[in-house]
Protein backbone atom coordinates (compact mmCIF):
# COMPACT_ATOMS: atom_id res chain seq x y z
CA MET A 1 46.56 -49.51 -111.29
CA SER A 2 47.02 -51.66 -108.28
CA ILE A 3 50.70 -52.59 -106.77
CA GLU A 4 51.18 -56.04 -105.31
CA VAL A 5 52.46 -57.03 -102.42
CA LEU A 6 54.58 -59.29 -102.36
CA VAL A 7 56.32 -62.15 -100.12
CA PRO A 8 59.38 -61.07 -99.33
CA ASN A 9 62.66 -63.70 -101.00
CA LEU A 10 62.55 -66.20 -98.72
CA PRO A 11 66.82 -67.60 -97.91
CA GLU A 12 67.38 -70.98 -99.37
CA SER A 13 66.34 -72.87 -96.44
CA VAL A 14 63.16 -71.46 -96.02
CA SER A 15 60.74 -73.04 -97.58
CA ASP A 16 57.72 -71.03 -96.79
CA ALA A 17 56.17 -68.69 -93.80
CA THR A 18 53.29 -68.75 -92.46
CA LEU A 19 51.09 -65.52 -91.96
CA ILE A 20 50.59 -64.40 -88.42
CA THR A 21 48.47 -60.86 -88.56
CA TRP A 22 47.85 -58.09 -90.82
CA HIS A 23 48.30 -54.45 -88.95
CA LYS A 24 45.75 -52.90 -91.41
CA GLN A 25 42.49 -54.29 -93.34
CA PRO A 26 40.80 -53.14 -96.40
CA GLY A 27 40.43 -49.47 -96.42
CA ASP A 28 43.14 -48.40 -94.45
CA THR A 29 45.55 -45.63 -95.38
CA VAL A 30 48.91 -46.29 -95.75
CA ILE A 31 52.36 -45.18 -96.08
CA LYS A 32 55.19 -46.52 -98.03
CA ASN A 33 57.59 -48.57 -96.08
CA GLU A 34 54.44 -48.35 -92.98
CA ASN A 35 54.49 -52.44 -91.58
CA LEU A 36 51.62 -54.27 -93.76
CA VAL A 37 51.30 -57.93 -92.00
CA ASP A 38 54.05 -60.20 -89.93
CA LEU A 39 55.36 -63.67 -91.54
CA GLU A 40 56.31 -66.53 -89.15
CA THR A 41 59.05 -68.26 -90.59
CA ASP A 42 61.50 -71.34 -88.52
CA LYS A 43 63.48 -68.59 -87.36
CA VAL A 44 61.98 -64.93 -86.72
CA VAL A 45 59.64 -63.03 -87.57
CA LEU A 46 59.54 -60.84 -91.34
CA GLU A 47 57.91 -57.13 -91.64
CA VAL A 48 56.53 -56.92 -95.01
CA PRO A 49 56.15 -53.00 -95.38
CA ALA A 50 53.87 -51.20 -97.81
CA PRO A 51 55.38 -50.37 -101.66
CA GLU A 52 53.97 -47.62 -102.13
CA SER A 53 51.64 -45.08 -100.07
CA GLY A 54 47.79 -45.48 -101.04
CA ILE A 55 44.60 -47.42 -100.06
CA LEU A 56 45.16 -51.44 -99.38
CA GLY A 57 42.66 -53.00 -101.48
CA LYS A 58 41.55 -56.71 -101.36
CA ILE A 59 43.82 -59.42 -99.16
CA LEU A 60 44.27 -62.40 -100.94
CA LYS A 61 45.80 -64.21 -98.36
CA ASN A 62 44.48 -64.12 -94.25
CA ASP A 63 45.53 -64.40 -90.99
CA GLY A 64 46.92 -68.11 -91.19
CA ALA A 65 47.88 -68.69 -94.51
CA ILE A 66 51.17 -70.89 -95.49
CA VAL A 67 52.95 -68.57 -98.23
CA VAL A 68 56.03 -69.12 -100.41
CA GLY A 69 58.47 -66.03 -101.74
CA GLY A 70 56.56 -64.21 -104.66
CA ASP A 71 53.19 -64.93 -103.11
CA VAL A 72 50.75 -61.86 -104.08
CA LEU A 73 49.57 -61.17 -100.30
CA ALA A 74 47.42 -57.95 -100.91
CA LEU A 75 46.57 -55.51 -103.70
CA LEU A 76 47.42 -51.83 -102.61
CA GLU A 77 45.58 -48.32 -104.52
CA PRO A 78 48.20 -45.70 -105.14
CA GLN A 79 46.63 -42.85 -104.58
CA ALA A 80 48.09 -39.45 -103.46
CA ILE A 81 47.48 -38.03 -99.64
CA GLN A 82 49.48 -35.37 -97.72
CA LEU A 83 52.79 -35.48 -96.19
CA PRO A 84 54.16 -32.87 -93.72
CA SER A 85 56.35 -31.94 -96.00
CA GLY A 86 54.44 -31.24 -98.57
CA GLN A 87 52.92 -33.53 -100.70
CA THR A 88 49.76 -34.87 -100.70
CA VAL A 89 48.38 -37.38 -98.95
CA LYS A 90 45.02 -38.16 -96.91
CA THR A 91 44.68 -38.16 -93.73
CA PRO A 92 43.71 -41.60 -92.50
CA PRO A 93 40.22 -41.55 -90.69
CA GLU A 94 40.49 -41.53 -86.99
CA PRO A 95 40.19 -44.54 -85.52
CA GLU A 96 37.33 -45.79 -83.30
CA ASP A 97 39.42 -46.03 -80.07
CA ASP A 98 42.95 -45.38 -78.63
CA GLU A 99 44.42 -48.65 -80.26
CA SER A 100 46.21 -47.60 -82.33
CA ASP A 101 47.88 -45.19 -80.27
CA ILE A 102 49.19 -48.08 -78.29
CA PRO A 103 53.01 -48.27 -79.50
CA LEU A 104 54.01 -52.28 -79.74
CA SER A 105 57.16 -53.59 -80.22
CA PRO A 106 56.90 -56.48 -82.36
CA SER A 107 57.16 -59.14 -79.41
CA VAL A 108 53.65 -57.46 -77.96
CA ARG A 109 52.24 -57.44 -81.33
CA ARG A 110 52.94 -61.07 -81.71
CA LEU A 111 51.35 -61.88 -78.33
CA ILE A 112 48.25 -59.61 -78.65
CA ALA A 113 47.92 -61.33 -82.39
CA GLU A 114 48.21 -64.49 -81.26
CA ASN A 115 45.63 -63.66 -78.31
CA ALA A 116 43.33 -62.00 -80.23
CA LEU A 117 43.46 -59.23 -77.43
CA ASN A 118 42.60 -55.46 -77.76
CA PRO A 119 45.82 -53.34 -76.19
CA SER A 120 43.61 -50.32 -75.56
CA LEU A 121 42.33 -53.11 -72.45
CA ILE A 122 46.02 -53.35 -70.83
CA LYS A 123 48.04 -50.55 -68.92
CA GLY A 124 51.10 -50.20 -70.01
CA SER A 125 54.21 -49.71 -67.33
CA GLY A 126 56.53 -48.82 -70.05
CA LYS A 127 57.88 -44.73 -70.86
CA ASP A 128 54.58 -43.06 -71.98
CA GLY A 129 52.65 -46.27 -71.70
CA ARG A 130 54.17 -48.11 -73.35
CA LEU A 131 53.21 -51.78 -73.47
CA THR A 132 55.86 -54.23 -72.96
CA LYS A 133 55.76 -58.11 -73.28
CA THR A 134 55.69 -58.48 -69.09
CA ASP A 135 52.65 -56.21 -69.12
CA VAL A 136 50.45 -58.15 -71.58
CA LEU A 137 51.82 -62.13 -70.03
CA ASP A 138 50.66 -60.66 -66.52
CA TYR A 139 47.05 -59.51 -68.04
CA LEU A 140 46.65 -63.47 -69.77
CA HIS A 141 47.47 -64.68 -66.68
CA LYS A 142 44.37 -62.57 -65.19
CA LYS A 143 42.28 -63.58 -67.61
CA THR A 144 43.15 -66.98 -66.90
CA LEU A 145 42.43 -66.99 -63.39
CA GLN A 146 39.12 -65.06 -64.08
CA GLU A 147 38.11 -67.30 -66.27
CA ALA A 148 38.85 -69.89 -64.01
CA GLN A 149 36.80 -68.62 -61.72
CA LEU A 150 33.38 -68.68 -63.88
CA ILE A 151 34.14 -72.61 -64.24
CA ILE A 152 33.90 -73.26 -60.67
CA PRO A 153 30.26 -73.46 -59.01
CA ALA A 154 29.59 -71.09 -56.04
CA SER A 155 28.60 -73.28 -53.86
CA LYS A 156 29.49 -77.17 -54.10
CA VAL A 157 27.41 -78.68 -51.17
CA GLU A 158 24.28 -77.10 -49.44
CA ILE A 159 23.68 -77.62 -45.94
CA PRO A 160 20.44 -77.27 -43.56
CA LEU A 161 21.18 -74.48 -41.19
CA ASP A 162 19.96 -76.02 -38.15
CA THR A 163 21.99 -78.81 -38.61
CA PRO A 164 25.23 -79.31 -36.29
CA LEU A 165 27.55 -79.25 -39.14
CA ALA A 166 26.37 -75.95 -40.39
CA LYS A 167 26.64 -75.10 -36.96
CA GLY A 168 29.89 -75.80 -35.89
CA GLY A 169 29.03 -78.49 -33.71
CA ALA A 170 31.46 -81.23 -32.02
CA GLU A 171 29.86 -83.73 -34.37
CA SER A 172 31.90 -82.69 -37.16
CA PRO A 173 34.37 -79.90 -38.43
CA PRO A 174 32.70 -76.62 -39.64
CA LEU A 175 32.93 -76.59 -43.13
CA MET A 176 35.07 -73.67 -44.63
CA LYS A 177 35.26 -71.96 -47.82
CA LYS A 178 38.91 -72.51 -48.35
CA ASP A 179 37.50 -76.18 -48.09
CA THR A 180 35.05 -75.99 -50.88
CA GLU A 181 37.09 -73.81 -53.11
CA ASP A 182 40.01 -76.44 -53.23
CA ARG A 183 37.51 -79.13 -54.03
CA GLY A 184 36.45 -76.88 -56.63
CA ILE A 185 39.40 -75.94 -58.00
CA SER A 186 40.96 -79.76 -57.72
CA ASN A 187 38.28 -81.03 -59.93
CA LEU A 188 38.49 -79.05 -62.53
CA ARG A 189 40.50 -80.33 -65.55
CA PRO A 190 40.87 -77.86 -68.02
CA GLU A 191 42.77 -78.38 -71.13
CA GLN A 192 43.83 -76.66 -74.19
CA ARG A 193 45.20 -77.05 -77.56
CA VAL A 194 46.89 -75.13 -79.77
CA PRO A 195 49.22 -75.14 -82.70
CA MET A 196 52.92 -75.29 -82.90
CA THR A 197 54.54 -72.15 -83.21
CA ARG A 198 56.82 -73.07 -86.39
CA LEU A 199 59.72 -71.93 -84.22
CA ARG A 200 59.06 -74.48 -81.86
CA ALA A 201 57.95 -77.04 -84.66
CA LYS A 202 61.78 -76.26 -86.38
CA VAL A 203 63.61 -76.52 -82.52
CA ALA A 204 61.25 -79.71 -82.43
CA GLU A 205 62.57 -80.90 -85.75
CA ARG A 206 66.39 -80.44 -85.28
CA LEU A 207 66.27 -81.79 -81.67
CA LEU A 208 64.84 -85.49 -83.07
CA GLN A 209 67.08 -85.02 -85.73
CA ALA A 210 70.12 -84.97 -83.40
CA GLN A 211 69.06 -87.41 -81.50
CA GLN A 212 68.45 -90.14 -84.37
CA ASN A 213 71.01 -89.18 -86.57
CA ALA A 214 73.72 -88.80 -84.66
CA ALA A 215 76.01 -91.14 -82.48
CA MET A 216 75.61 -88.43 -79.05
CA LEU A 217 77.69 -88.81 -76.15
CA THR A 218 78.40 -86.45 -72.93
CA THR A 219 81.21 -86.14 -71.07
CA PHE A 220 81.35 -83.71 -67.76
CA ASN A 221 83.83 -81.81 -65.92
CA GLU A 222 84.09 -79.07 -63.37
CA VAL A 223 85.72 -76.08 -62.97
CA ASN A 224 87.00 -74.30 -60.52
CA MET A 225 85.76 -70.47 -61.33
CA GLN A 226 88.01 -68.34 -58.17
CA ASN A 227 90.23 -66.86 -60.56
CA VAL A 228 87.80 -65.74 -63.19
CA ILE A 229 85.84 -64.52 -60.54
CA ASP A 230 88.86 -62.55 -59.19
CA LEU A 231 89.78 -60.96 -62.36
CA ARG A 232 86.71 -60.07 -63.21
CA ASN A 233 85.55 -58.34 -59.76
CA GLN A 234 89.53 -56.57 -59.85
CA TYR A 235 88.72 -55.11 -63.61
CA LYS A 236 85.18 -54.76 -63.67
CA ALA A 237 84.97 -51.44 -63.18
CA ARG A 238 87.75 -50.18 -65.67
CA PHE A 239 86.40 -52.17 -68.55
CA GLU A 240 83.23 -50.73 -68.21
CA GLN A 241 84.16 -47.35 -68.09
CA LYS A 242 86.46 -47.66 -70.77
CA HIS A 243 83.94 -50.32 -73.20
CA HIS A 244 80.48 -49.10 -72.12
CA VAL A 245 79.93 -52.49 -71.19
CA LYS A 246 79.76 -55.04 -68.79
CA LEU A 247 82.32 -57.58 -68.19
CA GLY A 248 80.76 -61.18 -68.00
CA PHE A 249 81.44 -64.83 -67.64
CA MET A 250 80.24 -65.89 -71.26
CA SER A 251 82.88 -63.49 -73.24
CA PHE A 252 85.86 -66.16 -71.03
CA PHE A 253 83.78 -69.38 -72.18
CA VAL A 254 84.07 -68.04 -75.59
CA LYS A 255 88.29 -67.32 -75.34
CA ALA A 256 88.55 -70.73 -74.19
CA SER A 257 86.42 -72.87 -76.48
CA ILE A 258 88.30 -71.25 -78.95
CA GLU A 259 91.30 -72.09 -77.49
CA ALA A 260 89.96 -75.92 -76.62
CA LEU A 261 88.89 -75.62 -80.79
CA LYS A 262 92.41 -74.61 -82.03
CA ARG A 263 94.16 -77.44 -80.47
CA PHE A 264 90.78 -79.95 -81.22
CA PRO A 265 89.88 -79.13 -85.03
CA ALA A 266 87.50 -82.47 -84.97
CA ILE A 267 85.98 -80.73 -82.76
CA ASN A 268 85.53 -77.94 -84.93
CA ALA A 269 84.16 -79.96 -87.86
CA SER A 270 81.18 -81.10 -89.54
CA ILE A 271 79.88 -83.95 -91.26
CA ASP A 272 77.93 -83.69 -94.66
CA ASP A 273 77.40 -87.85 -95.53
CA ASN A 274 80.37 -89.45 -96.00
CA ASP A 275 82.87 -86.11 -96.02
CA ILE A 276 84.10 -84.19 -93.00
CA ILE A 277 84.12 -80.58 -92.85
CA TYR A 278 86.69 -79.31 -91.36
CA HIS A 279 85.97 -74.93 -90.78
CA GLY A 280 89.10 -72.75 -90.75
CA TYR A 281 86.98 -70.22 -88.71
CA TYR A 282 84.84 -69.87 -85.70
CA ASP A 283 81.33 -68.92 -85.68
CA ILE A 284 80.40 -69.49 -81.76
CA GLY A 285 76.56 -69.53 -81.62
CA ILE A 286 75.07 -68.76 -78.16
CA ALA A 287 71.91 -70.26 -77.31
CA VAL A 288 68.57 -67.95 -76.40
CA SER A 289 65.72 -68.78 -74.18
CA THR A 290 63.07 -66.68 -76.25
CA GLU A 291 58.92 -66.47 -75.56
CA ARG A 292 59.04 -68.18 -78.76
CA GLY A 293 61.88 -70.69 -78.35
CA LEU A 294 65.33 -71.68 -78.39
CA ILE A 295 66.96 -69.53 -81.23
CA VAL A 296 70.90 -69.70 -81.22
CA PRO A 297 72.52 -65.96 -82.68
CA VAL A 298 75.93 -66.51 -83.88
CA LEU A 299 79.11 -64.66 -83.04
CA ARG A 300 80.73 -64.52 -86.75
CA ASP A 301 84.39 -64.34 -86.56
CA ALA A 302 84.92 -64.93 -82.65
CA ASP A 303 88.51 -65.80 -82.54
CA GLN A 304 88.89 -61.93 -84.03
CA LEU A 305 87.02 -60.37 -81.12
CA ASP A 306 88.53 -59.10 -78.03
CA PHE A 307 86.19 -59.86 -75.03
CA ALA A 308 84.92 -56.13 -75.23
CA GLY A 309 83.68 -57.47 -78.29
CA ILE A 310 81.90 -60.14 -77.43
CA GLU A 311 80.24 -58.83 -74.36
CA GLN A 312 79.20 -56.31 -77.26
CA SER A 313 77.80 -58.82 -79.15
CA ILE A 314 75.94 -60.57 -76.24
CA VAL A 315 74.15 -57.15 -75.50
CA ASP A 316 73.62 -56.68 -78.75
CA PHE A 317 72.09 -60.08 -79.61
CA GLY A 318 69.87 -59.69 -76.68
CA ALA A 319 68.42 -56.60 -77.36
CA LYS A 320 67.71 -58.28 -81.06
CA THR A 321 65.66 -61.41 -78.74
CA LYS A 322 63.78 -58.89 -77.11
CA ALA A 323 62.80 -56.38 -80.08
CA GLY A 324 62.23 -59.22 -82.30
CA THR A 325 64.56 -58.08 -85.03
CA LEU A 326 67.10 -60.80 -85.23
CA THR A 327 67.50 -61.47 -88.77
CA TYR A 328 68.79 -64.54 -90.94
CA ASP A 329 72.63 -63.52 -90.74
CA ASP A 330 71.99 -63.42 -86.72
CA LEU A 331 70.93 -67.19 -87.05
CA LYS A 332 72.57 -69.04 -89.75
CA GLY A 333 75.75 -70.86 -89.86
CA GLY A 334 78.00 -71.87 -86.85
CA THR A 335 80.76 -74.03 -86.27
CA PHE A 336 80.02 -74.98 -82.07
CA THR A 337 77.44 -73.88 -79.79
CA ILE A 338 77.55 -72.84 -75.80
CA THR A 339 74.38 -73.63 -73.84
CA ASN A 340 74.42 -71.83 -70.33
CA GLY A 341 71.67 -73.50 -68.05
CA GLY A 342 73.51 -72.01 -65.33
CA ILE A 343 71.32 -68.93 -65.42
CA PHE A 344 68.20 -70.41 -64.68
CA GLY A 345 69.40 -72.63 -61.60
CA SER A 346 70.56 -75.89 -63.60
CA MET A 347 73.28 -78.03 -61.81
CA LEU A 348 74.11 -80.24 -64.61
CA SER A 349 72.11 -80.99 -67.92
CA THR A 350 73.18 -82.72 -71.00
CA PRO A 351 72.70 -80.63 -73.50
CA ILE A 352 72.08 -81.98 -77.40
CA LEU A 353 73.64 -81.51 -80.57
CA ASN A 354 72.54 -78.13 -82.78
CA PRO A 355 73.26 -80.22 -86.22
CA PRO A 356 75.33 -80.02 -88.62
CA GLN A 357 77.50 -79.23 -85.98
CA CYS A 358 79.46 -82.05 -84.22
CA ALA A 359 79.73 -80.77 -80.31
CA ILE A 360 77.94 -78.37 -77.70
CA LEU A 361 79.22 -77.33 -74.30
CA GLY A 362 77.02 -77.05 -71.63
CA MET A 363 77.32 -74.01 -68.28
CA HIS A 364 75.81 -74.23 -65.22
CA ALA A 365 75.45 -72.74 -62.05
CA ILE A 366 78.37 -71.82 -59.75
CA LYS A 367 78.00 -72.93 -56.37
CA GLU A 368 80.29 -72.94 -53.60
CA ARG A 369 80.99 -76.91 -53.10
CA PRO A 370 84.06 -78.02 -50.65
CA VAL A 371 87.35 -79.39 -52.77
CA VAL A 372 90.60 -80.22 -51.70
CA GLU A 373 93.18 -78.67 -52.51
CA ASN A 374 97.25 -79.19 -50.86
CA GLY A 375 95.63 -81.68 -48.64
CA GLN A 376 93.46 -78.73 -46.91
CA ILE A 377 89.67 -78.91 -47.94
CA VAL A 378 88.41 -75.41 -48.40
CA ILE A 379 85.45 -73.97 -50.35
CA ARG A 380 85.92 -72.97 -53.75
CA PRO A 381 83.09 -71.80 -56.50
CA ILE A 382 82.62 -74.87 -58.51
CA MET A 383 80.47 -74.67 -62.07
CA TYR A 384 80.29 -77.89 -63.99
CA LEU A 385 80.74 -78.19 -67.45
CA ALA A 386 79.18 -80.84 -70.20
CA LEU A 387 80.28 -81.26 -73.66
CA SER A 388 77.48 -83.23 -75.37
CA TYR A 389 79.16 -84.50 -78.55
CA ASP A 390 79.28 -86.40 -82.09
CA HIS A 391 81.01 -90.05 -81.66
CA ARG A 392 80.79 -90.42 -85.14
CA LEU A 393 83.38 -87.81 -85.80
CA VAL A 394 84.78 -87.09 -82.37
CA ASP A 395 86.36 -89.90 -80.13
CA GLY A 396 85.90 -89.68 -76.48
CA ARG A 397 89.94 -89.10 -75.58
CA GLU A 398 89.03 -85.53 -78.01
CA ALA A 399 86.58 -84.75 -76.29
CA VAL A 400 88.03 -84.81 -72.60
CA GLN A 401 91.34 -83.20 -73.60
CA PHE A 402 88.96 -80.88 -74.82
CA LEU A 403 86.60 -79.58 -72.17
CA VAL A 404 90.40 -80.14 -69.61
CA THR A 405 91.61 -77.60 -71.81
CA ILE A 406 88.31 -75.40 -71.21
CA LYS A 407 88.99 -76.76 -67.78
CA GLU A 408 92.34 -74.77 -67.91
CA CYS A 409 91.83 -72.01 -68.95
CA LEU A 410 89.59 -70.85 -66.97
CA GLU A 411 91.26 -71.71 -64.00
CA ALA A 412 94.78 -70.08 -65.35
CA PRO A 413 92.66 -67.19 -67.59
CA ALA A 414 96.35 -66.20 -68.11
CA HIS A 415 96.31 -68.88 -70.45
CA LEU A 416 93.92 -66.71 -72.87
CA LEU A 417 95.38 -63.39 -71.89
CA LEU A 418 99.30 -64.89 -72.86
CA ASN A 419 97.89 -66.89 -75.51
CA ILE A 420 99.73 -70.59 -73.83
């Protein structure tokens, strides 16, 4: 009797999913819990494991299909196979090429599937020849350049050999090869139309929602990072030795934000129709840019974490993001968000709200700037801060004082350590 391969139950906030790619084809042997197919939702990519060992039968939903929880994706024919433990299992057929022998991470598999590539043609630079995301992106870049060169004509102009132009005479300058190439490239006007990924479409929807449904304003301030930098340089070696994680700047900003949120609870609130929901906990979202788009993993009960706990959580989120293993629990909720455009070199920006939250803090690049201290001009490492907020719930006075509180906590880190 055939076994149905079903779409797993989706969270309440997700109505459907898009089938990205099948990793098995009809007739292939599969092992129980082996990943059969990837489903892309608005937030994460879900892997659908085989419910039992056997032979994959008929596939009912093809790549690109929109599915909902409980839909039947394929039929699996149970069959005895020989496992190492002595159980009987059918050995899978030998592949025609070595494509299946190349280990692929979820993020690499997505790139391979989206661009219809053969991984056996790409040279891996990872451990034991493992393909990395950079390997695939480099391969795509080279492939694009090669295709562009095929489009550009080899010669745009034919010049008689006996003319002064061809001989490089004085009547006109010689026609250089680079000139013809530049002219050919300048005439090339390629276009490519691709559908939005589910994540990109959801990001677009939420950002447009934030613009249309909130009275969004932004207030700015600057912070002298000298004391934080000195404290970090003094203790980062001992911190890493004890906690086995590096001491970064984000933990200082999370701690400073929590202190400010405690003083101004309206900024930790959200609007639900005509009601205001004041959250008695501090779930801090950390915006992360990925190849699929912007995601915001959430530090749960961040006020109960110490500096090491915050830094370790951020490292874990980074590892999950690269491996494509973030879950819904990692992304849902959040009462306040921090985004760091400084890692890309941004000097100043106006971050956009992450609905239904009513505020978001934007960090930027640290630059040495002249400032006045005690009547003297000195050079200090300065960062510009931006706080975007929903004016329907947060008054300008609260927003400004909130940002000033963060500034004070960072310029005097003892406030964070002594809780004063």
